[in-house]
C-alpha atoms as a PDB file:
ATOM      1  CA  MET A   1     -34.859 -21.417 -26.349  1.00  0.00           C
ATOM      2  CA  ARG A   2     -36.691 -20.628 -29.580  1.00  0.00           C
ATOM      3  CA  ASP A   3     -34.562 -20.991 -32.728  1.00  0.00           C
ATOM      4  CA  THR A   4     -33.956 -17.523 -34.159  1.00  0.00           C
ATOM      5  CA  ALA A   5     -31.236 -18.360 -36.684  1.00  0.00           C
ATOM      6  CA  ASP A   6     -33.524 -17.802 -39.648  1.00  0.00           C
ATOM      7  CA  ARG A   7     -34.816 -14.365 -38.715  1.00  0.00           C
ATOM      8  CA  ARG A   8     -33.453 -11.013 -37.689  1.00  0.00           C
ATOM      9  CA  ARG A   9     -32.627 -10.770 -34.010  1.00  0.00           C
ATOM     10  CA  PRO A  10     -33.237  -7.648 -31.966  1.00  0.00           C
ATOM     11  CA  GLY A  11     -30.732  -4.900 -32.634  1.00  0.00           C
ATOM     12  CA  LEU A  12     -28.538  -3.337 -29.988  1.00  0.00           C
ATOM     13  CA  GLU A  13     -27.360   0.225 -29.957  1.00  0.00           C
ATOM     14  CA  ALA A  14     -23.818   0.233 -28.644  1.00  0.00           C
ATOM     15  CA  GLY A  15     -23.465   3.685 -27.128  1.00  0.00           C
ATOM     16  CA  SER A  16     -20.279   5.432 -28.283  1.00  0.00           C
ATOM     17  CA  GLY A  17     -19.674   2.476 -30.569  1.00  0.00           C
ATOM     18  CA  LYS A  18     -16.875   2.736 -33.109  1.00  0.00           C
ATOM     19  CA  SER A  19     -17.175  -0.590 -34.851  1.00  0.00           C
ATOM     20  CA  ARG A  20     -20.076   0.310 -37.121  1.00  0.00           C
ATOM     21  CA  ASN A  21     -20.497   2.968 -39.742  1.00  0.00           C
ATOM     22  CA  GLN A  22     -22.737   5.389 -37.891  1.00  0.00           C
ATOM     23  CA  ASP A  23     -20.682   8.353 -36.691  1.00  0.00           C
ATOM     24  CA  ARG A  24     -21.771  11.141 -34.349  1.00  0.00           C
ATOM     25  CA  ARG A  25     -18.922  13.627 -34.229  1.00  0.00           C
ATOM     26  CA  ALA A  26     -18.714  16.850 -32.308  1.00  0.00           C
ATOM     27  CA  GLY A  27     -20.206  19.567 -34.475  1.00  0.00           C
ATOM     28  CA  ARG A  28     -20.081  17.718 -37.765  1.00  0.00           C
ATOM     29  CA  ARG A  29     -20.844  14.489 -39.595  1.00  0.00           C
ATOM     30  CA  HIS A  30     -18.339  12.763 -41.825  1.00  0.00           C
ATOM     31  CA  ARG A  31     -19.249  10.690 -44.886  1.00  0.00           C
ATOM     32  CA  TYR A  32     -16.741   8.267 -46.347  1.00  0.00           C
ATOM     33  CA  PRO A  33     -16.286   8.526 -50.121  1.00  0.00           C
ATOM     34  CA  ALA A  34     -17.744   5.619 -52.054  1.00  0.00           C
ATOM     35  CA  SER A  35     -14.299   4.412 -53.095  1.00  0.00           C
ATOM     36  CA  ARG A  36     -13.111   4.027 -49.496  1.00  0.00           C
ATOM     37  CA  PRO A  37     -14.514   1.179 -47.417  1.00  0.00           C
ATOM     38  CA  ALA A  38     -15.809   2.252 -44.046  1.00  0.00           C
ATOM     39  CA  PRO A  39     -13.997   0.592 -41.118  1.00  0.00           C
ATOM     40  CA  ILE A  40     -15.510  -2.405 -39.385  1.00  0.00           C
ATOM     41  CA  GLY A  41     -14.131  -3.113 -35.924  1.00  0.00           C
ATOM     42  CA  HIS A  42     -13.783  -6.908 -36.031  1.00  0.00           C
ATOM     43  CA  ARG A  43     -14.719  -9.886 -38.211  1.00  0.00           C
ATOM     44  CA  ARG A  44     -16.758 -11.381 -35.361  1.00  0.00           C
ATOM     45  CA  LEU A  45     -19.063  -8.347 -35.570  1.00  0.00           C
ATOM     46  CA  ARG A  46     -20.198  -9.090 -39.102  1.00  0.00           C
ATOM     47  CA  ARG A  47     -23.898  -8.660 -38.290  1.00  0.00           C
ATOM     48  CA  LEU A  48     -23.397  -4.908 -38.031  1.00  0.00           C
ATOM     49  CA  ARG A  49     -26.103  -2.965 -39.813  1.00  0.00           C
ATOM     50  CA  GLN A  50     -24.791  -0.640 -42.515  1.00  0.00           C
ATOM     51  CA  GLY A  51     -25.195   3.082 -41.914  1.00  0.00           C
ATOM     52  CA  GLN A  52     -24.227   6.163 -43.853  1.00  0.00           C
ATOM     53  CA  PHE A  53     -21.716   7.869 -41.551  1.00  0.00           C
ATOM     54  CA  SER A  54     -18.299   6.656 -40.560  1.00  0.00           C
ATOM     55  CA  GLY A  55     -14.931   7.714 -39.185  1.00  0.00           C
ATOM     56  CA  ALA A  56     -13.475   5.282 -36.654  1.00  0.00           C
ATOM     57  CA  GLN A  57      -9.982   6.205 -35.496  1.00  0.00           C
ATOM     58  CA  SER A  58      -7.238   3.834 -34.411  1.00  0.00           C
ATOM     59  CA  TRP A  59      -7.809   4.725 -30.760  1.00  0.00           C
ATOM     60  CA  ASP A  60     -11.539   4.015 -30.924  1.00  0.00           C
ATOM     61  CA  GLY A  61     -11.348   0.602 -29.241  1.00  0.00           C
ATOM     62  CA  HIS A  62     -14.118   1.165 -26.710  1.00  0.00           C
ATOM     63  CA  GLY A  63     -17.056   0.523 -29.013  1.00  0.00           C
ATOM     64  CA  THR A  64     -15.576  -2.583 -30.602  1.00  0.00           C
ATOM     65  CA  ALA A  65     -14.851  -4.012 -27.144  1.00  0.00           C
ATOM     66  CA  CYS A  66     -18.411  -3.306 -25.965  1.00  0.00           C
ATOM     67  CA  ALA A  67     -19.934  -4.760 -29.127  1.00  0.00           C
ATOM     68  CA  GLY A  68     -17.943  -7.972 -28.794  1.00  0.00           C
ATOM     69  CA  LEU A  69     -19.217  -8.648 -25.285  1.00  0.00           C
ATOM     70  CA  ALA A  70     -22.790  -7.954 -26.365  1.00  0.00           C
ATOM     71  CA  ALA A  71     -23.030  -9.845 -29.616  1.00  0.00           C
ATOM     72  CA  ALA A  72     -19.800 -11.203 -31.147  1.00  0.00           C
ATOM     73  CA  VAL A  73     -20.616 -14.030 -33.555  1.00  0.00           C
ATOM     74  CA  PRO A  74     -19.546 -17.387 -32.051  1.00  0.00           C
ATOM     75  CA  SER A  75     -16.545 -19.126 -33.579  1.00  0.00           C
ATOM     76  CA  SER A  76     -15.427 -22.727 -33.187  1.00  0.00           C
ATOM     77  CA  THR A  77     -11.770 -21.850 -33.732  1.00  0.00           C
ATOM     78  CA  ASP A  78     -10.942 -18.514 -32.143  1.00  0.00           C
ATOM     79  CA  GLY A  79     -12.137 -15.391 -30.454  1.00  0.00           C
ATOM     80  CA  VAL A  80     -15.059 -14.779 -28.158  1.00  0.00           C
ATOM     81  CA  ARG A  81     -18.751 -15.549 -27.958  1.00  0.00           C
ATOM     82  CA  GLY A  82     -20.870 -12.506 -27.217  1.00  0.00           C
ATOM     83  CA  ILE A  83     -23.704 -12.980 -24.726  1.00  0.00           C
ATOM     84  CA  GLY A  84     -26.165 -12.288 -27.542  1.00  0.00           C
ATOM     85  CA  GLY A  85     -23.876 -13.764 -30.194  1.00  0.00           C
ATOM     86  CA  GLY A  86     -25.369 -13.242 -33.645  1.00  0.00           C
ATOM     87  CA  CYS A  87     -27.810 -10.503 -32.670  1.00  0.00           C
ATOM     88  CA  SER A  88     -27.526  -7.522 -34.989  1.00  0.00           C
ATOM     89  CA  ILE A  89     -25.690  -4.413 -33.812  1.00  0.00           C
ATOM     90  CA  MET A  90     -26.485  -0.798 -34.564  1.00  0.00           C
ATOM     91  CA  ALA A  91     -23.420   1.032 -33.224  1.00  0.00           C
ATOM     92  CA  VAL A  92     -23.712   4.802 -32.961  1.00  0.00           C
ATOM     93  CA  ARG A  93     -21.012   7.307 -32.079  1.00  0.00           C
ATOM     94  CA  ILE A  94     -22.076   9.855 -29.485  1.00  0.00           C
ATOM     95  CA  ALA A  95     -18.688  11.523 -28.874  1.00  0.00           C
ATOM     96  CA  TYR A  96     -15.455  12.193 -30.706  1.00  0.00           C
ATOM     97  CA  SER A  97     -11.798  12.659 -29.813  1.00  0.00           C
ATOM     98  CA  ASP A  98      -9.220  13.859 -32.331  1.00  0.00           C
ATOM     99  CA  ARG A  99      -6.213  12.141 -30.714  1.00  0.00           C
ATOM    100  CA  PRO A 100      -5.332   9.239 -28.427  1.00  0.00           C
ATOM    101  CA  ARG A 101      -6.235   9.968 -24.791  1.00  0.00           C
ATOM    102  CA  GLY A 102      -7.744  13.255 -25.910  1.00  0.00           C
ATOM    103  CA  VAL A 103     -10.854  14.874 -24.492  1.00  0.00           C
ATOM    104  CA  TRP A 104     -14.071  13.304 -25.747  1.00  0.00           C
ATOM    105  CA  THR A 105     -16.374  15.975 -27.098  1.00  0.00           C
ATOM    106  CA  THR A 106     -20.118  15.781 -27.546  1.00  0.00           C
ATOM    107  CA  SER A 107     -23.304  17.680 -26.728  1.00  0.00           C
ATOM    108  CA  PRO A 108     -26.708  16.805 -25.257  1.00  0.00           C
ATOM    109  CA  GLY A 109     -28.253  17.471 -28.659  1.00  0.00           C
ATOM    110  CA  GLN A 110     -25.972  14.982 -30.367  1.00  0.00           C
ATOM    111  CA  ILE A 111     -26.634  12.300 -27.771  1.00  0.00           C
ATOM    112  CA  ALA A 112     -30.388  12.854 -27.971  1.00  0.00           C
ATOM    113  CA  GLU A 113     -30.257  12.684 -31.763  1.00  0.00           C
ATOM    114  CA  ALA A 114     -28.331   9.405 -31.599  1.00  0.00           C
ATOM    115  CA  VAL A 115     -30.801   7.852 -29.139  1.00  0.00           C
ATOM    116  CA  ASP A 116     -33.762   8.889 -31.282  1.00  0.00           C
ATOM    117  CA  TRP A 117     -32.062   7.603 -34.432  1.00  0.00           C
ATOM    118  CA  CYS A 118     -31.647   4.184 -32.839  1.00  0.00           C
ATOM    119  CA  TRP A 119     -35.191   3.488 -31.747  1.00  0.00           C
ATOM    120  CA  GLN A 120     -36.611   5.069 -34.884  1.00  0.00           C
ATOM    121  CA  ASN A 121     -34.485   2.705 -36.990  1.00  0.00           C
ATOM    122  CA  GLY A 122     -35.435  -0.484 -35.216  1.00  0.00           C
ATOM    123  CA  ALA A 123     -33.073  -0.957 -32.278  1.00  0.00           C
ATOM    124  CA  SER A 124     -34.617  -3.026 -29.499  1.00  0.00           C
ATOM    125  CA  VAL A 125     -31.921  -2.658 -26.829  1.00  0.00           C
ATOM    126  CA  LEU A 126     -29.921   0.534 -26.252  1.00  0.00           C
ATOM    127  CA  SER A 127     -26.609  -0.232 -24.536  1.00  0.00           C
ATOM    128  CA  ASN A 128     -24.956   2.854 -23.056  1.00  0.00           C
ATOM    129  CA  SER A 129     -21.416   2.464 -21.727  1.00  0.00           C
ATOM    130  CA  TRP A 130     -21.018   6.123 -20.882  1.00  0.00           C
ATOM    131  CA  SER A 131     -21.913   8.604 -18.169  1.00  0.00           C
ATOM    132  CA  ASP A 132     -22.014  12.340 -17.641  1.00  0.00           C
ATOM    133  CA  THR A 133     -21.674  14.656 -14.685  1.00  0.00           C
ATOM    134  CA  SER A 134     -24.806  16.683 -15.375  1.00  0.00           C
ATOM    135  CA  ALA A 135     -28.322  15.863 -16.476  1.00  0.00           C
ATOM    136  CA  SER A 136     -29.762  17.030 -19.784  1.00  0.00           C
ATOM    137  CA  SER A 137     -33.436  17.563 -20.506  1.00  0.00           C
ATOM    138  CA  ALA A 138     -32.857  16.707 -24.187  1.00  0.00           C
ATOM    139  CA  VAL A 139     -31.264  13.361 -23.338  1.00  0.00           C
ATOM    140  CA  ILE A 140     -33.910  12.602 -20.694  1.00  0.00           C
ATOM    141  CA  ALA A 141     -36.641  13.219 -23.264  1.00  0.00           C
ATOM    142  CA  ALA A 142     -34.904  11.070 -25.893  1.00  0.00           C
ATOM    143  CA  PHE A 143     -34.555   8.126 -23.511  1.00  0.00           C
ATOM    144  CA  GLY A 144     -38.180   8.604 -22.513  1.00  0.00           C
ATOM    145  CA  ARG A 145     -39.231   8.295 -26.146  1.00  0.00           C
ATOM    146  CA  ALA A 146     -37.128   5.151 -26.575  1.00  0.00           C
ATOM    147  CA  LEU A 147     -38.665   3.599 -23.455  1.00  0.00           C
ATOM    148  CA  THR A 148     -42.246   4.328 -24.517  1.00  0.00           C
ATOM    149  CA  LEU A 149     -42.322   4.583 -28.327  1.00  0.00           C
ATOM    150  CA  GLY A 150     -39.602   2.143 -29.361  1.00  0.00           C
ATOM    151  CA  ARG A 151     -40.417  -1.294 -30.780  1.00  0.00           C
ATOM    152  CA  GLY A 152     -43.787  -0.139 -32.026  1.00  0.00           C
ATOM    153  CA  GLY A 153     -44.923   1.003 -28.601  1.00  0.00           C
ATOM    154  CA  LYS A 154     -43.623  -2.017 -26.633  1.00  0.00           C
ATOM    155  CA  GLY A 155     -40.677   0.090 -25.523  1.00  0.00           C
ATOM    156  CA  CYS A 156     -36.955  -0.346 -26.006  1.00  0.00           C
ATOM    157  CA  VAL A 157     -34.785  -1.751 -23.246  1.00  0.00           C
ATOM    158  CA  VAL A 158     -32.302   0.928 -22.153  1.00  0.00           C
ATOM    159  CA  VAL A 159     -29.185  -0.402 -20.394  1.00  0.00           C
ATOM    160  CA  VAL A 160     -26.793   2.123 -18.804  1.00  0.00           C
ATOM    161  CA  ALA A 161     -23.452   1.837 -17.014  1.00  0.00           C
ATOM    162  CA  ALA A 162     -23.563   2.870 -13.353  1.00  0.00           C
ATOM    163  CA  GLY A 163     -20.141   4.543 -13.544  1.00  0.00           C
ATOM    164  CA  ASN A 164     -16.602   3.837 -12.340  1.00  0.00           C
ATOM    165  CA  ARG A 165     -16.404   6.191  -9.383  1.00  0.00           C
ATOM    166  CA  PRO A 166     -17.039   4.525  -5.996  1.00  0.00           C
ATOM    167  CA  GLY A 167     -19.956   6.751  -5.073  1.00  0.00           C
ATOM    168  CA  PRO A 168     -23.543   7.436  -6.110  1.00  0.00           C
ATOM    169  CA  VAL A 169     -24.490   6.574  -9.681  1.00  0.00           C
ATOM    170  CA  GLY A 170     -24.724   9.489 -12.052  1.00  0.00           C
ATOM    171  CA  PHE A 171     -26.575  10.511 -15.178  1.00  0.00           C
ATOM    172  CA  PRO A 172     -28.120   8.852 -17.161  1.00  0.00           C
ATOM    173  CA  SER A 173     -28.023   5.615 -15.139  1.00  0.00           C
ATOM    174  CA  ASN A 174     -30.160   7.324 -12.471  1.00  0.00           C
ATOM    175  CA  LEU A 175     -33.108   7.767 -14.834  1.00  0.00           C
ATOM    176  CA  PRO A 176     -36.324   5.858 -14.095  1.00  0.00           C
ATOM    177  CA  GLY A 177     -37.047   2.908 -16.348  1.00  0.00           C
ATOM    178  CA  VAL A 178     -33.470   2.156 -17.399  1.00  0.00           C
ATOM    179  CA  ILE A 179     -31.404  -0.860 -16.365  1.00  0.00           C
ATOM    180  CA  CYS A 180     -28.561   0.546 -14.267  1.00  0.00           C
ATOM    181  CA  VAL A 181     -25.623  -1.901 -14.343  1.00  0.00           C
ATOM    182  CA  ALA A 182     -22.971  -2.121 -11.634  1.00  0.00           C
ATOM    183  CA  ALA A 183     -19.788  -4.168 -11.915  1.00  0.00           C
ATOM    184  CA  SER A 184     -18.983  -7.372 -10.051  1.00  0.00           C
ATOM    185  CA  THR A 185     -15.644  -9.127  -9.605  1.00  0.00           C
ATOM    186  CA  PRO A 186     -14.509 -12.602 -10.730  1.00  0.00           C
ATOM    187  CA  LYS A 187     -15.351 -13.741  -7.181  1.00  0.00           C
ATOM    188  CA  ASP A 188     -18.957 -12.477  -7.457  1.00  0.00           C
ATOM    189  CA  GLU A 189     -18.364  -9.568  -5.098  1.00  0.00           C
ATOM    190  CA  PRO A 190     -19.110  -5.866  -5.691  1.00  0.00           C
ATOM    191  CA  LYS A 191     -16.260  -4.147  -7.547  1.00  0.00           C
ATOM    192  CA  THR A 192     -14.546  -1.687  -5.200  1.00  0.00           C
ATOM    193  CA  PRO A 193     -11.029  -0.232  -5.055  1.00  0.00           C
ATOM    194  CA  SER A 194     -10.257  -2.780  -2.313  1.00  0.00           C
ATOM    195  CA  SER A 195     -11.814  -5.839  -3.985  1.00  0.00           C
ATOM    196  CA  ASP A 196      -9.499  -8.790  -4.559  1.00  0.00           C
ATOM    197  CA  ASP A 197      -8.958  -8.458  -8.311  1.00  0.00           C
ATOM    198  CA  GLY A 198      -5.779  -6.394  -8.720  1.00  0.00           C
ATOM    199  CA  GLU A 199      -7.551  -3.296 -10.047  1.00  0.00           C
ATOM    200  CA  ASN A 200      -7.419  -0.855  -7.163  1.00  0.00           C
ATOM    201  CA  TRP A 201      -7.767   2.278  -9.286  1.00  0.00           C
ATOM    202  CA  TRP A 202     -11.513   2.081  -9.745  1.00  0.00           C
ATOM    203  CA  GLY A 203     -14.734   0.944  -8.163  1.00  0.00           C
ATOM    204  CA  SER A 204     -18.272   0.628  -9.403  1.00  0.00           C
ATOM    205  CA  SER A 205     -20.756   3.367  -8.608  1.00  0.00           C
ATOM    206  CA  TYR A 206     -23.674   2.298  -6.448  1.00  0.00           C
ATOM    207  CA  GLY A 207     -27.066   3.369  -5.145  1.00  0.00           C
ATOM    208  CA  PRO A 208     -30.772   2.543  -5.108  1.00  0.00           C
ATOM    209  CA  GLU A 209     -30.880   2.909  -8.882  1.00  0.00           C
ATOM    210  CA  VAL A 210     -28.702  -0.177  -9.507  1.00  0.00           C
ATOM    211  CA  LEU A 211     -30.852  -2.975 -10.943  1.00  0.00           C
ATOM    212  CA  VAL A 212     -28.253  -5.672 -11.614  1.00  0.00           C
ATOM    213  CA  ALA A 213     -24.525  -6.367 -11.530  1.00  0.00           C
ATOM    214  CA  ALA A 214     -22.411  -8.077 -14.181  1.00  0.00           C
ATOM    215  CA  PRO A 215     -18.721  -9.004 -14.466  1.00  0.00           C
ATOM    216  CA  GLY A 216     -16.608  -5.916 -15.020  1.00  0.00           C
ATOM    217  CA  VAL A 217     -13.020  -7.085 -14.491  1.00  0.00           C
ATOM    218  CA  LYS A 218     -10.658  -8.540 -17.114  1.00  0.00           C
ATOM    219  CA  ASN A 219     -13.358  -9.350 -19.647  1.00  0.00           C
ATOM    220  CA  TYR A 220     -12.016 -10.917 -22.857  1.00  0.00           C
ATOM    221  CA  THR A 221     -13.484  -9.294 -25.960  1.00  0.00           C
ATOM    222  CA  THR A 222     -12.980  -8.160 -29.533  1.00  0.00           C
ATOM    223  CA  ASP A 223     -10.526  -5.405 -30.427  1.00  0.00           C
ATOM    224  CA  ILE A 224     -10.145  -3.414 -33.635  1.00  0.00           C
ATOM    225  CA  THR A 225      -8.560  -5.710 -36.214  1.00  0.00           C
ATOM    226  CA  GLY A 226      -4.851  -5.075 -36.705  1.00  0.00           C
ATOM    227  CA  PRO A 227      -2.572  -2.764 -34.700  1.00  0.00           C
ATOM    228  CA  ALA A 228      -5.356  -0.319 -33.736  1.00  0.00           C
ATOM    229  CA  GLY A 229      -7.392  -0.439 -30.546  1.00  0.00           C
ATOM    230  CA  TYR A 230      -6.362  -1.598 -27.080  1.00  0.00           C
ATOM    231  CA  ASN A 231      -4.128  -4.476 -28.178  1.00  0.00           C
ATOM    232  CA  PRO A 232      -1.658  -3.568 -30.951  1.00  0.00           C
ATOM    233  CA  GLY A 233      -0.475  -7.183 -31.065  1.00  0.00           C
ATOM    234  CA  GLY A 234      -3.802  -8.894 -31.696  1.00  0.00           C
ATOM    235  CA  ASP A 235      -7.480  -8.719 -32.578  1.00  0.00           C
ATOM    236  CA  TYR A 236      -8.755  -9.476 -29.079  1.00  0.00           C
ATOM    237  CA  TYR A 237      -8.295  -7.750 -25.733  1.00  0.00           C
ATOM    238  CA  PRO A 238      -8.172  -9.681 -22.442  1.00  0.00           C
ATOM    239  CA  GLY A 239      -8.451  -6.800 -19.983  1.00  0.00           C
ATOM    240  CA  PHE A 240     -11.574  -4.777 -20.796  1.00  0.00           C
ATOM    241  CA  ASN A 241     -13.004  -3.517 -17.509  1.00  0.00           C
ATOM    242  CA  GLY A 242     -15.340  -1.062 -15.831  1.00  0.00           C
ATOM    243  CA  THR A 243     -19.080  -0.744 -15.879  1.00  0.00           C
ATOM    244  CA  SER A 244     -18.563  -0.069 -19.596  1.00  0.00           C
ATOM    245  CA  SER A 245     -17.587  -3.734 -19.759  1.00  0.00           C
ATOM    246  CA  ALA A 246     -20.431  -4.997 -17.577  1.00  0.00           C
ATOM    247  CA  THR A 247     -23.162  -3.112 -19.426  1.00  0.00           C
ATOM    248  CA  PRO A 248     -22.961  -4.853 -22.846  1.00  0.00           C
ATOM    249  CA  LEU A 249     -23.172  -8.235 -21.092  1.00  0.00           C
ATOM    250  CA  VAL A 250     -26.573  -7.210 -19.760  1.00  0.00           C
ATOM    251  CA  ALA A 251     -27.559  -5.715 -23.125  1.00  0.00           C
ATOM    252  CA  GLY A 252     -26.704  -8.991 -24.853  1.00  0.00           C
ATOM    253  CA  ALA A 253     -28.807 -10.873 -22.313  1.00  0.00           C
ATOM    254  CA  CYS A 254     -31.746  -8.538 -23.001  1.00  0.00           C
ATOM    255  CA  ALA A 255     -31.396  -9.242 -26.724  1.00  0.00           C
ATOM    256  CA  LEU A 256     -31.529 -12.984 -26.041  1.00  0.00           C
ATOM    257  CA  VAL A 257     -34.619 -12.491 -23.888  1.00  0.00           C
ATOM    258  CA  LEU A 258     -36.331 -10.682 -26.749  1.00  0.00           C
ATOM    259  CA  SER A 259     -35.158 -13.318 -29.217  1.00  0.00           C
ATOM    260  CA  ALA A 260     -36.827 -15.932 -27.031  1.00  0.00           C
ATOM    261  CA  ASN A 261     -40.005 -13.889 -26.610  1.00  0.00           C
ATOM    262  CA  PRO A 262     -40.347 -10.811 -28.841  1.00  0.00           C
ATOM    263  CA  THR A 263     -43.840 -10.056 -27.492  1.00  0.00           C
ATOM    264  CA  LEU A 264     -42.391  -8.800 -24.194  1.00  0.00           C
ATOM    265  CA  SER A 265     -42.501  -5.106 -23.416  1.00  0.00           C
ATOM    266  CA  GLY A 266     -39.344  -3.285 -22.458  1.00  0.00           C
ATOM    267  CA  ALA A 267     -40.557  -3.064 -18.870  1.00  0.00           C
ATOM    268  CA  GLN A 268     -41.153  -6.836 -18.812  1.00  0.00           C
ATOM    269  CA  VAL A 269     -37.597  -7.496 -20.007  1.00  0.00           C
ATOM    270  CA  THR A 270     -36.263  -5.251 -17.248  1.00  0.00           C
ATOM    271  CA  ALA A 271     -38.311  -7.170 -14.679  1.00  0.00           C
ATOM    272  CA  ILE A 272     -37.034 -10.508 -15.990  1.00  0.00           C
ATOM    273  CA  ILE A 273     -33.402  -9.373 -15.679  1.00  0.00           C
ATOM    274  CA  ALA A 274     -34.049  -8.427 -12.047  1.00  0.00           C
ATOM    275  CA  GLN A 275     -36.050 -11.559 -11.173  1.00  0.00           C
ATOM    276  CA  SER A 276     -33.493 -13.943 -12.661  1.00  0.00           C
ATOM    277  CA  ALA A 277     -30.368 -12.424 -11.051  1.00  0.00           C
ATOM    278  CA  ASP A 278     -28.386 -14.464  -8.533  1.00  0.00           C
ATOM    279  CA  LYS A 279     -28.018 -13.203  -4.964  1.00  0.00           C
ATOM    280  CA  VAL A 280     -24.245 -13.574  -4.736  1.00  0.00           C
ATOM    281  CA  GLY A 281     -21.467 -11.982  -2.715  1.00  0.00           C
ATOM    282  CA  SER A 282     -20.968 -11.267   0.955  1.00  0.00           C
ATOM    283  CA  VAL A 283     -23.377  -8.312   0.896  1.00  0.00           C
ATOM    284  CA  SER A 284     -26.836  -8.220   2.454  1.00  0.00           C
ATOM    285  CA  TYR A 285     -29.940  -8.086   0.256  1.00  0.00           C
ATOM    286  CA  VAL A 286     -32.801  -6.142   1.796  1.00  0.00           C
ATOM    287  CA  ASP A 287     -36.185  -6.780   0.179  1.00  0.00           C
ATOM    288  CA  GLY A 288     -34.333  -8.639  -2.543  1.00  0.00           C
ATOM    289  CA  ARG A 289     -31.749  -6.045  -3.496  1.00  0.00           C
ATOM    290  CA  ASN A 290     -28.505  -4.349  -2.517  1.00  0.00           C
ATOM    291  CA  ASP A 291     -27.209  -0.912  -3.538  1.00  0.00           C
ATOM    292  CA  GLN A 292     -23.942  -2.352  -4.880  1.00  0.00           C
ATOM    293  CA  MET A 293     -25.321  -5.433  -6.622  1.00  0.00           C
ATOM    294  CA  GLY A 294     -28.916  -4.490  -7.354  1.00  0.00           C
ATOM    295  CA  TYR A 295     -31.053  -7.637  -7.468  1.00  0.00           C
ATOM    296  CA  GLY A 296     -27.898  -9.702  -7.922  1.00  0.00           C
ATOM    297  CA  ARG A 297     -25.434 -10.805 -10.560  1.00  0.00           C
ATOM    298  CA  LEU A 298     -26.776 -11.359 -14.069  1.00  0.00           C
ATOM    299  CA  ASN A 299     -27.908 -14.921 -14.860  1.00  0.00           C
ATOM    300  CA  VAL A 300     -28.467 -15.180 -18.604  1.00  0.00           C
ATOM    301  CA  LEU A 301     -29.854 -18.719 -18.665  1.00  0.00           C
ATOM    302  CA  LYS A 302     -32.466 -17.993 -16.016  1.00  0.00           C
ATOM    303  CA  ALA A 303     -33.477 -14.810 -17.833  1.00  0.00           C
ATOM    304  CA  VAL A 304     -34.061 -16.651 -21.120  1.00  0.00           C
ATOM    305  CA  GLN A 305     -35.953 -19.436 -19.350  1.00  0.00           C
ATOM    306  CA  LEU A 306     -38.223 -16.855 -17.706  1.00  0.00           C
ATOM    307  CA  ALA A 307     -38.790 -15.153 -21.070  1.00  0.00           C
ATOM    308  CA  ILE A 308     -39.892 -18.422 -22.699  1.00  0.00           C
ATOM    309  CA  THR A 309     -42.471 -19.081 -19.984  1.00  0.00           C
ATOM    310  CA  SER A 310     -43.753 -15.485 -19.723  1.00  0.00           C
END
């Protein structure tokens, strides 16, 4: 793998991220006063790019957890190693809740604005651990611009969670050109309510749109430093799950692929992720794919090796 330690690595947009200082709130934007430091989710996310909006709340653990799996800086003493450890992160809030377990509020216009902001400001990979029940023409158009205009016309890589309802994938993971990520279990099987992992309250969404699967059960990741976040007793969380958890693993792999070969187009990166996946599980693969696992479970090493030789 090409050494990229001395240059900027591709940025990732962590959809609904809370660990960086870019805040998309419902109906308003909030600027921190200069005398008050904006919150950073975790010390292992120190390659976060500085933005001008902020406002993370103590219950905003989702973005920090996603960011850790994608790109937490490796440590020899503690913590986690993100799949794309050391890649820069551009975390953007697309929704806001004013209380723990409250309703998350957003709008298609806000999401579209956030997507456009990312590719216009240099993000290479857009990681979206969110889903909606209805399609939006504004969001569809914004993702289309990212896929075609991002990275100077090479196209961004757009990675989207399939969803946590055991049924057909929803919006926006059903859009053409995106990498739709399903969840797999620790035993390399599709995640279903009956899979042997102790989490019977959810199952991964599935369908012909699924491109790849990645681990989505009991992933160990970063949490907001201190008593905030998912784990009040520590700075890491051992039980992050769902396709929200699987998606940043794939996004981190895409960032590594682009670090190894930045000349690749977004479509070429997507093809590499599919070609390098492992055909695992007890499911049948027809013409190389399966509706629950896509082209297989993510294999990061194979993906990087393919990128180097492409």
